[in-house]
Every structure is written in C-alpha cells, then in structure tokens.
Amino acid sequence: MSGKGGGYRSAKSGQYVSARAGKSNPRTTVKEAPGKSGSSGERYRSAITGRYVTTKHGKSSPNTTVKER
C-alpha cells in the first residue's frame, strides 16, 4: 500500500489490511483518511470509535488501538 493513507489498518498488528477485511472487522481495524498527515510524532487511534486516544490508553489497549506516526 502507498504512504498516502486511505486504507484500513489492523489494531492488533498495525499492518494494512484489505478493504474487505477492514469492513468486516470494524472493531479491530481503523480506516485512515487519505492524504498526508499534518502532525508529527506518534498518536493512537481507537479501532472501535476511530477517534484519537491518549498515549496511555493506546499503550494499554494494543488490540483495539493503532499507533500512527
């Protein structure tokens, strides 16, 4: 997958997955917005809600959050 985003990522592995897998597993995958991110550093996003969460929550919930760079 290209670095432009817009795909689905597994919360457990952090790897990109197919759109089919992402859509069939909404609680454990995150759909990323297309385009380049304007932020720097690491952030965590909930696979369940799609919202950004605190670093503490992200590290304590590795199966339901995705670390983004």
N, C-alpha and C. Protein backbone atom coordinates (compact mmCIF):
# COMPACT_ATOMS: atom_id res chain seq x y z
N MET A 1 0.85 -1.18 0.00
CA MET A 1 0.00 0.00 0.00
C MET A 1 0.88 1.23 0.00
N SER A 2 0.48 2.27 -0.64
CA SER A 2 1.26 3.51 -0.70
C SER A 2 1.18 4.26 0.61
N GLY A 3 2.07 5.22 0.80
CA GLY A 3 2.12 6.01 2.02
C GLY A 3 1.09 7.11 2.08
N LYS A 4 0.19 7.16 1.14
CA LYS A 4 -0.81 8.24 1.10
C LYS A 4 -1.97 8.01 2.04
N GLY A 5 -2.11 6.83 2.63
CA GLY A 5 -3.21 6.56 3.55
C GLY A 5 -4.49 6.25 2.81
N GLY A 6 -5.58 6.22 3.53
CA GLY A 6 -6.87 5.93 2.95
C GLY A 6 -7.24 4.47 3.01
N GLY A 7 -6.36 3.62 3.55
CA GLY A 7 -6.63 2.19 3.65
C GLY A 7 -7.10 1.83 5.05
N TYR A 8 -7.12 0.54 5.30
CA TYR A 8 -7.50 0.02 6.61
C TYR A 8 -6.27 -0.57 7.28
N ARG A 9 -6.18 -0.37 8.60
CA ARG A 9 -5.07 -0.93 9.37
C ARG A 9 -5.61 -1.76 10.51
N SER A 10 -4.94 -2.87 10.78
CA SER A 10 -5.28 -3.72 11.90
C SER A 10 -4.82 -3.07 13.19
N ALA A 11 -5.68 -3.06 14.21
CA ALA A 11 -5.29 -2.50 15.50
C ALA A 11 -4.29 -3.42 16.19
N LYS A 12 -4.39 -4.69 15.95
CA LYS A 12 -3.50 -5.64 16.63
C LYS A 12 -2.09 -5.61 16.05
N SER A 13 -1.96 -5.65 14.74
CA SER A 13 -0.62 -5.73 14.13
C SER A 13 -0.11 -4.38 13.64
N GLY A 14 -1.01 -3.43 13.38
CA GLY A 14 -0.60 -2.15 12.82
C GLY A 14 -0.38 -2.21 11.32
N GLN A 15 -0.55 -3.37 10.74
CA GLN A 15 -0.34 -3.56 9.30
C GLN A 15 -1.60 -3.20 8.52
N TYR A 16 -1.39 -2.80 7.28
CA TYR A 16 -2.53 -2.54 6.41
C TYR A 16 -3.21 -3.85 6.04
N VAL A 17 -4.52 -3.82 5.96
CA VAL A 17 -5.31 -4.98 5.56
C VAL A 17 -6.18 -4.58 4.39
N SER A 18 -6.77 -5.57 3.74
CA SER A 18 -7.62 -5.28 2.59
C SER A 18 -8.87 -4.54 3.03
N ALA A 19 -9.49 -3.84 2.10
CA ALA A 19 -10.73 -3.13 2.40
C ALA A 19 -11.80 -4.10 2.86
N ARG A 20 -11.83 -5.28 2.28
CA ARG A 20 -12.81 -6.29 2.67
C ARG A 20 -12.61 -6.70 4.13
N ALA A 21 -11.35 -6.95 4.51
CA ALA A 21 -11.05 -7.33 5.89
C ALA A 21 -11.36 -6.18 6.84
N GLY A 22 -11.04 -4.95 6.43
CA GLY A 22 -11.32 -3.79 7.26
C GLY A 22 -12.80 -3.58 7.51
N LYS A 23 -13.58 -3.73 6.47
CA LYS A 23 -15.02 -3.54 6.59
C LYS A 23 -15.69 -4.65 7.40
N SER A 24 -15.15 -5.87 7.32
CA SER A 24 -15.77 -6.99 8.04
C SER A 24 -15.30 -7.07 9.49
N ASN A 25 -14.31 -6.28 9.88
CA ASN A 25 -13.80 -6.28 11.25
C ASN A 25 -13.71 -4.85 11.79
N PRO A 26 -14.82 -4.13 11.88
CA PRO A 26 -14.78 -2.72 12.26
C PRO A 26 -14.30 -2.45 13.68
N ARG A 27 -14.38 -3.42 14.57
CA ARG A 27 -13.94 -3.19 15.96
C ARG A 27 -12.44 -3.36 16.12
N THR A 28 -11.78 -3.95 15.15
CA THR A 28 -10.34 -4.19 15.29
C THR A 28 -9.53 -3.60 14.14
N THR A 29 -10.16 -2.76 13.33
CA THR A 29 -9.45 -2.08 12.24
C THR A 29 -9.82 -0.60 12.23
N VAL A 30 -8.94 0.20 11.65
CA VAL A 30 -9.17 1.63 11.54
C VAL A 30 -9.08 2.02 10.08
N LYS A 31 -10.04 2.80 9.60
CA LYS A 31 -9.98 3.34 8.25
C LYS A 31 -9.25 4.67 8.33
N GLU A 32 -8.17 4.79 7.59
CA GLU A 32 -7.39 6.01 7.61
C GLU A 32 -7.87 6.98 6.55
N ALA A 33 -7.78 8.24 6.87
CA ALA A 33 -8.15 9.28 5.91
C ALA A 33 -7.08 9.37 4.83
N PRO A 34 -7.47 9.62 3.59
CA PRO A 34 -6.47 9.77 2.53
C PRO A 34 -5.68 11.06 2.71
N GLY A 35 -4.51 11.08 2.12
CA GLY A 35 -3.67 12.28 2.19
C GLY A 35 -2.61 12.16 3.26
N LYS A 36 -1.71 13.10 3.25
CA LYS A 36 -0.60 13.11 4.18
C LYS A 36 -1.04 13.74 5.50
N SER A 37 -0.66 13.13 6.60
CA SER A 37 -0.98 13.66 7.91
C SER A 37 -0.17 14.92 8.19
N GLY A 38 -0.78 15.90 8.81
CA GLY A 38 -0.09 17.14 9.10
C GLY A 38 0.59 17.16 10.46
N SER A 39 0.44 16.10 11.24
CA SER A 39 1.02 16.09 12.58
C SER A 39 2.34 15.36 12.59
N SER A 40 3.05 15.54 13.68
CA SER A 40 4.31 14.82 13.84
C SER A 40 4.25 13.99 15.10
N GLY A 41 5.11 13.01 15.19
CA GLY A 41 5.12 12.16 16.37
C GLY A 41 4.13 11.02 16.26
N GLU A 42 4.07 10.25 17.34
CA GLU A 42 3.17 9.10 17.38
C GLU A 42 1.85 9.50 18.03
N ARG A 43 0.78 8.92 17.50
CA ARG A 43 -0.54 9.10 18.09
C ARG A 43 -1.23 7.76 18.05
N TYR A 44 -2.23 7.59 18.89
CA TYR A 44 -3.00 6.36 18.94
C TYR A 44 -4.44 6.67 18.56
N ARG A 45 -5.02 5.74 17.79
CA ARG A 45 -6.42 5.88 17.36
C ARG A 45 -7.16 4.61 17.76
N SER A 46 -8.36 4.77 18.28
CA SER A 46 -9.21 3.65 18.66
C SER A 46 -9.77 2.99 17.41
N ALA A 47 -9.66 1.67 17.33
CA ALA A 47 -10.25 0.94 16.22
C ALA A 47 -11.77 0.87 16.37
N ILE A 48 -12.25 1.01 17.58
CA ILE A 48 -13.69 0.92 17.82
C ILE A 48 -14.41 2.21 17.43
N THR A 49 -13.88 3.36 17.87
CA THR A 49 -14.55 4.63 17.60
C THR A 49 -13.94 5.41 16.45
N GLY A 50 -12.68 5.12 16.13
CA GLY A 50 -11.99 5.87 15.08
C GLY A 50 -11.42 7.19 15.58
N ARG A 51 -11.58 7.47 16.85
CA ARG A 51 -11.09 8.72 17.42
C ARG A 51 -9.71 8.53 18.02
N TYR A 52 -8.98 9.65 18.12
CA TYR A 52 -7.67 9.60 18.75
C TYR A 52 -7.85 9.44 20.26
N VAL A 53 -6.95 8.67 20.86
CA VAL A 53 -6.99 8.42 22.30
C VAL A 53 -5.65 8.83 22.90
N THR A 54 -5.57 8.87 24.21
CA THR A 54 -4.33 9.24 24.87
C THR A 54 -3.28 8.15 24.65
N THR A 55 -2.03 8.54 24.79
CA THR A 55 -0.93 7.59 24.65
C THR A 55 -1.06 6.49 25.70
N LYS A 56 -1.42 6.85 26.91
CA LYS A 56 -1.59 5.87 27.98
C LYS A 56 -2.64 4.82 27.61
N HIS A 57 -3.77 5.28 27.09
CA HIS A 57 -4.83 4.35 26.69
C HIS A 57 -4.37 3.49 25.50
N GLY A 58 -3.71 4.11 24.55
CA GLY A 58 -3.23 3.38 23.39
C GLY A 58 -2.26 2.27 23.76
N LYS A 59 -1.33 2.56 24.65
CA LYS A 59 -0.36 1.54 25.07
C LYS A 59 -1.00 0.44 25.90
N SER A 60 -2.04 0.77 26.65
CA SER A 60 -2.69 -0.24 27.49
C SER A 60 -3.75 -1.05 26.74
N SER A 61 -4.07 -0.65 25.51
CA SER A 61 -5.08 -1.35 24.72
C SER A 61 -4.55 -1.66 23.32
N PRO A 62 -3.50 -2.47 23.21
CA PRO A 62 -2.87 -2.70 21.91
C PRO A 62 -3.74 -3.45 20.90
N ASN A 63 -4.73 -4.19 21.36
CA ASN A 63 -5.56 -4.96 20.43
C ASN A 63 -6.71 -4.15 19.84
N THR A 64 -6.97 -2.97 20.40
CA THR A 64 -8.08 -2.17 19.88
C THR A 64 -7.65 -0.75 19.53
N THR A 65 -6.35 -0.50 19.47
CA THR A 65 -5.84 0.81 19.04
C THR A 65 -4.73 0.63 18.01
N VAL A 66 -4.55 1.66 17.21
CA VAL A 66 -3.49 1.65 16.19
C VAL A 66 -2.56 2.81 16.48
N LYS A 67 -1.25 2.52 16.49
CA LYS A 67 -0.26 3.59 16.67
C LYS A 67 0.05 4.17 15.30
N GLU A 68 -0.11 5.47 15.17
CA GLU A 68 0.17 6.16 13.91
C GLU A 68 1.39 7.04 14.08
N ARG A 69 2.13 7.20 13.01
CA ARG A 69 3.32 8.05 13.05
C ARG A 69 3.14 9.22 12.14
